[in-house]
PDB file of N, CA and C in Angstrom:
ATOM      1  N   MET A   1       5.372   6.186  -5.106  1.00  0.00           N
ATOM      2  CA  MET A   1       4.424   5.387  -4.379  1.00  0.00           C
ATOM      3  C   MET A   1       4.699   5.563  -2.893  1.00  0.00           C
ATOM      4  N   SER A   2       3.656   5.785  -2.170  1.00  0.00           N
ATOM      5  CA  SER A   2       3.814   5.832  -0.724  1.00  0.00           C
ATOM      6  C   SER A   2       2.849   4.844  -0.099  1.00  0.00           C
ATOM      7  N   LEU A   3       3.257   4.339   1.012  1.00  0.00           N
ATOM      8  CA  LEU A   3       2.440   3.347   1.708  1.00  0.00           C
ATOM      9  C   LEU A   3       2.320   3.727   3.172  1.00  0.00           C
ATOM     10  N   PHE A   4       1.192   3.426   3.733  1.00  0.00           N
ATOM     11  CA  PHE A   4       0.948   3.662   5.144  1.00  0.00           C
ATOM     12  C   PHE A   4       0.477   2.354   5.745  1.00  0.00           C
ATOM     13  N   TYR A   5       0.750   2.166   7.023  1.00  0.00           N
ATOM     14  CA  TYR A   5       0.307   0.919   7.643  1.00  0.00           C
ATOM     15  C   TYR A   5       0.197   1.089   9.145  1.00  0.00           C
ATOM     16  N   GLU A   6      -0.891   0.679   9.693  1.00  0.00           N
ATOM     17  CA  GLU A   6      -1.121   0.503  11.122  1.00  0.00           C
ATOM     18  C   GLU A   6      -0.774   1.726  11.963  1.00  0.00           C
ATOM     19  N   TYR A   7      -1.784   2.452  12.323  1.00  0.00           N
ATOM     20  CA  TYR A   7      -1.628   3.648  13.136  1.00  0.00           C
ATOM     21  C   TYR A   7      -2.219   3.499  14.532  1.00  0.00           C
ATOM     22  N   ARG A   8      -2.310   2.288  15.038  1.00  0.00           N
ATOM     23  CA  ARG A   8      -2.967   2.060  16.328  1.00  0.00           C
ATOM     24  C   ARG A   8      -2.319   2.833  17.475  1.00  0.00           C
ATOM     25  N   CYS A   9      -1.029   3.091  17.400  1.00  0.00           N
ATOM     26  CA  CYS A   9      -0.349   3.749  18.510  1.00  0.00           C
ATOM     27  C   CYS A   9      -0.341   5.274  18.365  1.00  0.00           C
ATOM     28  N   TYR A  10      -0.975   5.807  17.341  1.00  0.00           N
ATOM     29  CA  TYR A  10      -1.005   7.243  17.120  1.00  0.00           C
ATOM     30  C   TYR A  10      -2.250   7.859  17.736  1.00  0.00           C
ATOM     31  N   SER A  11      -2.295   9.188  17.768  1.00  0.00           N
ATOM     32  CA  SER A  11      -3.427   9.892  18.364  1.00  0.00           C
ATOM     33  C   SER A  11      -4.722   9.585  17.614  1.00  0.00           C
ATOM     34  N   LEU A  12      -5.840   9.852  18.263  1.00  0.00           N
ATOM     35  CA  LEU A  12      -7.138   9.602  17.639  1.00  0.00           C
ATOM     36  C   LEU A  12      -7.339  10.466  16.395  1.00  0.00           C
ATOM     37  N   ILE A  13      -6.815  11.670  16.406  1.00  0.00           N
ATOM     38  CA  ILE A  13      -6.936  12.548  15.235  1.00  0.00           C
ATOM     39  C   ILE A  13      -6.185  11.959  14.049  1.00  0.00           C
ATOM     40  N   THR A  14      -4.982  11.458  14.289  1.00  0.00           N
ATOM     41  CA  THR A  14      -4.204  10.826  13.221  1.00  0.00           C
ATOM     42  C   THR A  14      -4.918   9.582  12.713  1.00  0.00           C
ATOM     43  N   GLN A  15      -5.434   8.781  13.625  1.00  0.00           N
ATOM     44  CA  GLN A  15      -6.167   7.584  13.225  1.00  0.00           C
ATOM     45  C   GLN A  15      -7.385   7.938  12.374  1.00  0.00           C
ATOM     46  N   LEU A  16      -8.116   8.974  12.764  1.00  0.00           N
ATOM     47  CA  LEU A  16      -9.285   9.421  12.003  1.00  0.00           C
ATOM     48  C   LEU A  16      -8.886   9.871  10.596  1.00  0.00           C
ATOM     49  N   ALA A  17      -7.810  10.646  10.509  1.00  0.00           N
ATOM     50  CA  ALA A  17      -7.346  11.123   9.202  1.00  0.00           C
ATOM     51  C   ALA A  17      -6.958   9.959   8.302  1.00  0.00           C
ATOM     52  N   VAL A  18      -6.241   8.992   8.846  1.00  0.00           N
ATOM     53  CA  VAL A  18      -5.792   7.850   8.052  1.00  0.00           C
ATOM     54  C   VAL A  18      -6.968   6.953   7.678  1.00  0.00           C
ATOM     55  N   ARG A  19      -7.934   6.819   8.551  1.00  0.00           N
ATOM     56  CA  ARG A  19      -9.144   6.056   8.217  1.00  0.00           C
ATOM     57  C   ARG A  19      -9.885   6.727   7.067  1.00  0.00           C
ATOM     58  N   THR A  20      -9.986   8.053   7.131  1.00  0.00           N
ATOM     59  CA  THR A  20     -10.652   8.812   6.076  1.00  0.00           C
ATOM     60  C   THR A  20      -9.934   8.633   4.738  1.00  0.00           C
ATOM     61  N   LEU A  21      -8.621   8.601   4.766  1.00  0.00           N
ATOM     62  CA  LEU A  21      -7.842   8.408   3.546  1.00  0.00           C
ATOM     63  C   LEU A  21      -7.880   6.966   3.054  1.00  0.00           C
ATOM     64  N   GLY A  22      -8.381   6.044   3.887  1.00  0.00           N
ATOM     65  CA  GLY A  22      -8.554   4.662   3.456  1.00  0.00           C
ATOM     66  C   GLY A  22      -7.341   3.780   3.630  1.00  0.00           C
ATOM     67  N   SER A  23      -6.406   4.184   4.462  1.00  0.00           N
ATOM     68  CA  SER A  23      -5.178   3.407   4.614  1.00  0.00           C
ATOM     69  C   SER A  23      -4.994   2.840   6.005  1.00  0.00           C
ATOM     70  N   TYR A  24      -5.969   2.983   6.864  1.00  0.00           N
ATOM     71  CA  TYR A  24      -5.804   2.540   8.246  1.00  0.00           C
ATOM     72  C   TYR A  24      -5.663   1.028   8.326  1.00  0.00           C
ATOM     73  N   ASN A  25      -4.588   0.601   8.930  1.00  0.00           N
ATOM     74  CA  ASN A  25      -4.335  -0.814   9.205  1.00  0.00           C
ATOM     75  C   ASN A  25      -4.296  -1.673   7.942  1.00  0.00           C
ATOM     76  N   SER A  26      -3.881  -1.084   6.838  1.00  0.00           N
ATOM     77  CA  SER A  26      -3.678  -1.855   5.610  1.00  0.00           C
ATOM     78  C   SER A  26      -2.505  -1.239   4.856  1.00  0.00           C
ATOM     79  N   LEU A  27      -1.771  -2.052   4.198  1.00  0.00           N
ATOM     80  CA  LEU A  27      -0.600  -1.595   3.459  1.00  0.00           C
ATOM     81  C   LEU A  27      -1.033  -1.260   2.035  1.00  0.00           C
ATOM     82  N   ARG A  28      -1.411  -0.015   1.825  1.00  0.00           N
ATOM     83  CA  ARG A  28      -1.852   0.399   0.499  1.00  0.00           C
ATOM     84  C   ARG A  28      -1.783   1.920   0.382  1.00  0.00           C
ATOM     85  N   PRO A  29      -1.773   2.426  -0.841  1.00  0.00           N
ATOM     86  CA  PRO A  29      -1.809   3.873  -1.033  1.00  0.00           C
ATOM     87  C   PRO A  29      -3.141   4.439  -0.533  1.00  0.00           C
ATOM     88  N   THR A  30      -3.209   5.746  -0.411  1.00  0.00           N
ATOM     89  CA  THR A  30      -4.433   6.388   0.064  1.00  0.00           C
ATOM     90  C   THR A  30      -5.464   6.496  -1.051  1.00  0.00           C
ATOM     91  N   ARG A  31      -6.698   6.799  -0.650  1.00  0.00           N
ATOM     92  CA  ARG A  31      -7.756   7.054  -1.632  1.00  0.00           C
ATOM     93  C   ARG A  31      -7.399   8.239  -2.523  1.00  0.00           C
ATOM     94  N   LEU A  32      -6.762   9.258  -1.947  1.00  0.00           N
ATOM     95  CA  LEU A  32      -6.368  10.418  -2.747  1.00  0.00           C
ATOM     96  C   LEU A  32      -5.418  10.019  -3.866  1.00  0.00           C
ATOM     97  N   GLU A  33      -4.465   9.151  -3.555  1.00  0.00           N
ATOM     98  CA  GLU A  33      -3.543   8.668  -4.587  1.00  0.00           C
ATOM     99  C   GLU A  33      -4.281   7.823  -5.616  1.00  0.00           C
ATOM    100  N   LYS A  34      -5.225   7.010  -5.164  1.00  0.00           N
ATOM    101  CA  LYS A  34      -5.989   6.169  -6.084  1.00  0.00           C
ATOM    102  C   LYS A  34      -6.790   7.034  -7.052  1.00  0.00           C
ATOM    103  N   TRP A  35      -7.465   8.039  -6.530  1.00  0.00           N
ATOM    104  CA  TRP A  35      -8.293   8.903  -7.372  1.00  0.00           C
ATOM    105  C   TRP A  35      -7.465   9.840  -8.230  1.00  0.00           C
ATOM    106  N   GLY A  36      -6.297  10.235  -7.751  1.00  0.00           N
ATOM    107  CA  GLY A  36      -5.501  11.233  -8.453  1.00  0.00           C
ATOM    108  C   GLY A  36      -4.478  10.686  -9.436  1.00  0.00           C
ATOM    109  N   THR A  37      -4.300   9.383  -9.476  1.00  0.00           N
ATOM    110  CA  THR A  37      -3.317   8.784 -10.378  1.00  0.00           C
ATOM    111  C   THR A  37      -3.977   8.470 -11.715  1.00  0.00           C
ATOM    112  N   HIS A  38      -3.445   9.060 -12.758  1.00  0.00           N
ATOM    113  CA  HIS A  38      -4.026   8.881 -14.091  1.00  0.00           C
ATOM    114  C   HIS A  38      -3.308   7.812 -14.906  1.00  0.00           C
ATOM    115  N   ASP A  39      -2.046   7.577 -14.622  1.00  0.00           N
ATOM    116  CA  ASP A  39      -1.265   6.617 -15.401  1.00  0.00           C
ATOM    117  C   ASP A  39      -1.064   5.336 -14.593  1.00  0.00           C
ATOM    118  N   LYS A  40      -2.136   4.604 -14.391  1.00  0.00           N
ATOM    119  CA  LYS A  40      -2.069   3.394 -13.569  1.00  0.00           C
ATOM    120  C   LYS A  40      -1.304   2.269 -14.255  1.00  0.00           C
ATOM    121  N   ASP A  41      -1.161   2.330 -15.573  1.00  0.00           N
ATOM    122  CA  ASP A  41      -0.358   1.314 -16.270  1.00  0.00           C
ATOM    123  C   ASP A  41       1.100   1.398 -15.842  1.00  0.00           C
ATOM    124  N   THR A  42       1.593   2.614 -15.656  1.00  0.00           N
ATOM    125  CA  THR A  42       2.982   2.803 -15.204  1.00  0.00           C
ATOM    126  C   THR A  42       3.129   2.312 -13.770  1.00  0.00           C
ATOM    127  N   VAL A  43       2.148   2.594 -12.933  1.00  0.00           N
ATOM    128  CA  VAL A  43       2.177   2.109 -11.542  1.00  0.00           C
ATOM    129  C   VAL A  43       2.187   0.583 -11.542  1.00  0.00           C
ATOM    130  N   ALA A  44       1.323  -0.027 -12.356  1.00  0.00           N
ATOM    131  CA  ALA A  44       1.253  -1.495 -12.423  1.00  0.00           C
ATOM    132  C   ALA A  44       2.591  -2.089 -12.848  1.00  0.00           C
ATOM    133  N   ALA A  45       3.239  -1.464 -13.819  1.00  0.00           N
ATOM    134  CA  ALA A  45       4.540  -1.961 -14.278  1.00  0.00           C
ATOM    135  C   ALA A  45       5.575  -1.878 -13.155  1.00  0.00           C
ATOM    136  N   SER A  46       5.563  -0.783 -12.409  1.00  0.00           N
ATOM    137  CA  SER A  46       6.502  -0.628 -11.293  1.00  0.00           C
ATOM    138  C   SER A  46       6.239  -1.653 -10.202  1.00  0.00           C
ATOM    139  N   VAL A  47       4.982  -1.849  -9.877  1.00  0.00           N
ATOM    140  CA  VAL A  47       4.624  -2.815  -8.833  1.00  0.00           C
ATOM    141  C   VAL A  47       5.032  -4.225  -9.256  1.00  0.00           C
ATOM    142  N   LYS A  48       4.802  -4.573 -10.499  1.00  0.00           N
ATOM    143  CA  LYS A  48       5.207  -5.897 -10.987  1.00  0.00           C
ATOM    144  C   LYS A  48       6.717  -6.092 -10.859  1.00  0.00           C
ATOM    145  N   ARG A  49       7.488  -5.035 -11.113  1.00  0.00           N
ATOM    146  CA  ARG A  49       8.950  -5.130 -10.943  1.00  0.00           C
ATOM    147  C   ARG A  49       9.300  -5.361  -9.476  1.00  0.00           C
ATOM    148  N   PHE A  50       8.627  -4.643  -8.560  1.00  0.00           N
ATOM    149  CA  PHE A  50       8.850  -4.861  -7.135  1.00  0.00           C
ATOM    150  C   PHE A  50       8.544  -6.300  -6.751  1.00  0.00           C
ATOM    151  N   LEU A  51       7.462  -6.838  -7.289  1.00  0.00           N
ATOM    152  CA  LEU A  51       7.034  -8.187  -6.916  1.00  0.00           C
ATOM    153  C   LEU A  51       7.974  -9.271  -7.438  1.00  0.00           C
ATOM    154  N   GLU A  52       8.847  -8.929  -8.365  1.00  0.00           N
ATOM    155  CA  GLU A  52       9.858  -9.886  -8.827  1.00  0.00           C
ATOM    156  C   GLU A  52      10.948 -10.083  -7.774  1.00  0.00           C
ATOM    157  N   TRP A  53      11.097  -9.127  -6.866  1.00  0.00           N
ATOM    158  CA  TRP A  53      12.120  -9.207  -5.829  1.00  0.00           C
ATOM    159  C   TRP A  53      11.691 -10.185  -4.742  1.00  0.00           C
ATOM    160  N   ASP A  54      12.678 -10.725  -4.051  1.00  0.00           N
ATOM    161  CA  ASP A  54      12.423 -11.633  -2.943  1.00  0.00           C
ATOM    162  C   ASP A  54      12.435 -10.809  -1.655  1.00  0.00           C
ATOM    163  N   PHE A  55      11.258 -10.553  -1.084  1.00  0.00           N
ATOM    164  CA  PHE A  55      11.177  -9.824   0.173  1.00  0.00           C
ATOM    165  C   PHE A  55       9.992 -10.320   0.981  1.00  0.00           C
ATOM    166  N   ASP A  56      10.092 -10.126   2.272  1.00  0.00           N
ATOM    167  CA  ASP A  56       9.022 -10.515   3.183  1.00  0.00           C
ATOM    168  C   ASP A  56       8.657  -9.353   4.098  1.00  0.00           C
ATOM    169  N   ARG A  57       9.589  -8.458   4.328  1.00  0.00           N
ATOM    170  CA  ARG A  57       9.433  -7.349   5.263  1.00  0.00           C
ATOM    171  C   ARG A  57       9.260  -6.052   4.482  1.00  0.00           C
ATOM    172  N   VAL A  58       8.341  -5.193   4.948  1.00  0.00           N
ATOM    173  CA  VAL A  58       8.118  -3.903   4.310  1.00  0.00           C
ATOM    174  C   VAL A  58       8.259  -2.816   5.367  1.00  0.00           C
ATOM    175  N   ILE A  59       9.004  -1.782   5.020  1.00  0.00           N
ATOM    176  CA  ILE A  59       9.163  -0.622   5.891  1.00  0.00           C
ATOM    177  C   ILE A  59       8.458   0.540   5.203  1.00  0.00           C
ATOM    178  N   PRO A  60       7.210   0.838   5.608  1.00  0.00           N
ATOM    179  CA  PRO A  60       6.437   1.882   4.935  1.00  0.00           C
ATOM    180  C   PRO A  60       6.933   3.279   5.284  1.00  0.00           C
ATOM    181  N   ALA A  61       6.487   4.252   4.515  1.00  0.00           N
ATOM    182  CA  ALA A  61       6.853   5.642   4.749  1.00  0.00           C
ATOM    183  C   ALA A  61       6.374   6.107   6.122  1.00  0.00           C
ATOM    184  N   TYR A  62       5.174   5.684   6.509  1.00  0.00           N
ATOM    185  CA  TYR A  62       4.596   6.063   7.798  1.00  0.00           C
ATOM    186  C   TYR A  62       3.928   4.841   8.395  1.00  0.00           C
ATOM    187  N   GLY A  63       3.955   4.735   9.698  1.00  0.00           N
ATOM    188  CA  GLY A  63       3.285   3.633  10.358  1.00  0.00           C
ATOM    189  C   GLY A  63       4.242   2.557  10.800  1.00  0.00           C
ATOM    190  N   SER A  64       3.710   1.389  11.033  1.00  0.00           N
ATOM    191  CA  SER A  64       4.471   0.274  11.590  1.00  0.00           C
ATOM    192  C   SER A  64       5.093  -0.590  10.501  1.00  0.00           C
ATOM    193  N   LEU A  65       6.159  -1.283  10.885  1.00  0.00           N
ATOM    194  CA  LEU A  65       6.795  -2.236   9.984  1.00  0.00           C
ATOM    195  C   LEU A  65       5.879  -3.417   9.724  1.00  0.00           C
ATOM    196  N   VAL A  66       6.010  -3.993   8.560  1.00  0.00           N
ATOM    197  CA  VAL A  66       5.345  -5.255   8.252  1.00  0.00           C
ATOM    198  C   VAL A  66       6.453  -6.300   8.295  1.00  0.00           C
ATOM    199  N   GLU A  67       6.492  -7.052   9.380  1.00  0.00           N
ATOM    200  CA  GLU A  67       7.599  -7.982   9.613  1.00  0.00           C
ATOM    201  C   GLU A  67       7.513  -9.250   8.779  1.00  0.00           C
ATOM    202  N   THR A  68       6.306  -9.742   8.519  1.00  0.00           N
ATOM    203  CA  THR A  68       6.137 -10.964   7.742  1.00  0.00           C
ATOM    204  C   THR A  68       4.994 -10.795   6.754  1.00  0.00           C
ATOM    205  N   ASN A  69       5.042 -11.570   5.686  1.00  0.00           N
ATOM    206  CA  ASN A  69       4.022 -11.537   4.633  1.00  0.00           C
ATOM    207  C   ASN A  69       3.868 -10.160   3.993  1.00  0.00           C
ATOM    208  N   GLY A  70       4.943  -9.397   4.001  1.00  0.00           N
ATOM    209  CA  GLY A  70       4.916  -8.057   3.430  1.00  0.00           C
ATOM    210  C   GLY A  70       4.665  -8.048   1.937  1.00  0.00           C
ATOM    211  N   LYS A  71       5.212  -9.019   1.244  1.00  0.00           N
ATOM    212  CA  LYS A  71       5.022  -9.076  -0.200  1.00  0.00           C
ATOM    213  C   LYS A  71       3.550  -9.281  -0.545  1.00  0.00           C
ATOM    214  N   ASP A  72       2.890 -10.166   0.191  1.00  0.00           N
ATOM    215  CA  ASP A  72       1.464 -10.404  -0.045  1.00  0.00           C
ATOM    216  C   ASP A  72       0.638  -9.165   0.278  1.00  0.00           C
ATOM    217  N   ALA A  73       0.977  -8.491   1.374  1.00  0.00           N
ATOM    218  CA  ALA A  73       0.252  -7.277   1.762  1.00  0.00           C
ATOM    219  C   ALA A  73       0.473  -6.162   0.738  1.00  0.00           C
ATOM    220  N   PHE A  74       1.713  -6.029   0.263  1.00  0.00           N
ATOM    221  CA  PHE A  74       2.043  -5.032  -0.759  1.00  0.00           C
ATOM    222  C   PHE A  74       1.239  -5.294  -2.037  1.00  0.00           C
ATOM    223  N   LYS A  75       1.218  -6.545  -2.448  1.00  0.00           N
ATOM    224  CA  LYS A  75       0.489  -6.929  -3.660  1.00  0.00           C
ATOM    225  C   LYS A  75      -1.007  -6.647  -3.500  1.00  0.00           C
ATOM    226  N   ALA A  76      -1.576  -7.041  -2.370  1.00  0.00           N
ATOM    227  CA  ALA A  76      -3.004  -6.820  -2.129  1.00  0.00           C
ATOM    228  C   ALA A  76      -3.337  -5.331  -2.119  1.00  0.00           C
ATOM    229  N   GLY A  77      -2.477  -4.519  -1.524  1.00  0.00           N
ATOM    230  CA  GLY A  77      -2.708  -3.082  -1.486  1.00  0.00           C
ATOM    231  C   GLY A  77      -2.721  -2.456  -2.868  1.00  0.00           C
ATOM    232  N   TYR A  78      -1.819  -2.913  -3.714  1.00  0.00           N
ATOM    233  CA  TYR A  78      -1.781  -2.346  -5.061  1.00  0.00           C
ATOM    234  C   TYR A  78      -2.829  -2.967  -5.978  1.00  0.00           C
ATOM    235  N   GLU A  79      -3.286  -4.147  -5.679  1.00  0.00           N
ATOM    236  CA  GLU A  79      -4.426  -4.679  -6.429  1.00  0.00           C
ATOM    237  C   GLU A  79      -5.670  -3.849  -6.121  1.00  0.00           C
ATOM    238  N   TRP A  80      -5.827  -3.462  -4.861  1.00  0.00           N
ATOM    239  CA  TRP A  80      -6.923  -2.561  -4.504  1.00  0.00           C
ATOM    240  C   TRP A  80      -6.768  -1.227  -5.250  1.00  0.00           C
ATOM    241  N   PHE A  81      -5.574  -0.689  -5.230  1.00  0.00           N
ATOM    242  CA  PHE A  81      -5.286   0.591  -5.875  1.00  0.00           C
ATOM    243  C   PHE A  81      -5.592   0.542  -7.378  1.00  0.00           C
ATOM    244  N   LEU A  82      -5.161  -0.528  -8.030  1.00  0.00           N
ATOM    245  CA  LEU A  82      -5.328  -0.648  -9.480  1.00  0.00           C
ATOM    246  C   LEU A  82      -6.726  -1.117  -9.875  1.00  0.00           C
ATOM    247  N   GLY A  83      -7.385  -1.842  -8.980  1.00  0.00           N
ATOM    248  CA  GLY A  83      -8.728  -2.331  -9.271  1.00  0.00           C
ATOM    249  C   GLY A  83      -8.754  -3.656 -10.005  1.00  0.00           C
ATOM    250  N   TYR A  84      -7.626  -4.351 -10.030  1.00  0.00           N
ATOM    251  CA  TYR A  84      -7.576  -5.684 -10.650  1.00  0.00           C
ATOM    252  C   TYR A  84      -6.420  -6.482 -10.086  1.00  0.00           C
ATOM    253  N   ALA A  85      -6.508  -7.804 -10.254  1.00  0.00           N
ATOM    254  CA  ALA A  85      -5.467  -8.703  -9.746  1.00  0.00           C
ATOM    255  C   ALA A  85      -4.220  -8.618 -10.619  1.00  0.00           C
ATOM    256  N   LEU A  86      -3.078  -8.580  -9.989  1.00  0.00           N
ATOM    257  CA  LEU A  86      -1.812  -8.551 -10.712  1.00  0.00           C
ATOM    258  C   LEU A  86      -1.371  -9.975 -11.008  1.00  0.00           C
ATOM    259  N   GLN A  87      -1.068 -10.215 -12.242  1.00  0.00           N
ATOM    260  CA  GLN A  87      -0.588 -11.534 -12.684  1.00  0.00           C
ATOM    261  C   GLN A  87       0.935 -11.509 -12.705  1.00  0.00           C
ATOM    262  N   PRO A  88       1.566 -12.611 -12.341  1.00  0.00           N
ATOM    263  CA  PRO A  88       3.037 -12.667 -12.415  1.00  0.00           C
ATOM    264  C   PRO A  88       3.511 -12.472 -13.856  1.00  0.00           C
ATOM    265  N   THR A  89       4.675 -11.850 -13.980  1.00  0.00           N
ATOM    266  CA  THR A  89       5.231 -11.641 -15.330  1.00  0.00           C
ATOM    267  C   THR A  89       6.076 -12.801 -15.748  1.00  0.00           C
TER     268      THR A  89
END
């Protein structure tokens, strides 16, 4: 799983590319990952395990840190990715 978040300080070309991929200024996987992932049940299981952890801050692969409410942003991003709301286990 990779996550991108907030590219406001990057070049316009980078911002355009990230907007096209659907990840600009939101903590979620790209559209390419959404369309190309066939085993979303496995992704959902992994995300649910992550959500059992106590965290507030997220350090994405690319982009800016999410200093607060990271767990909520992470959950919302993967709900978008999966296409349904994640229920607590």
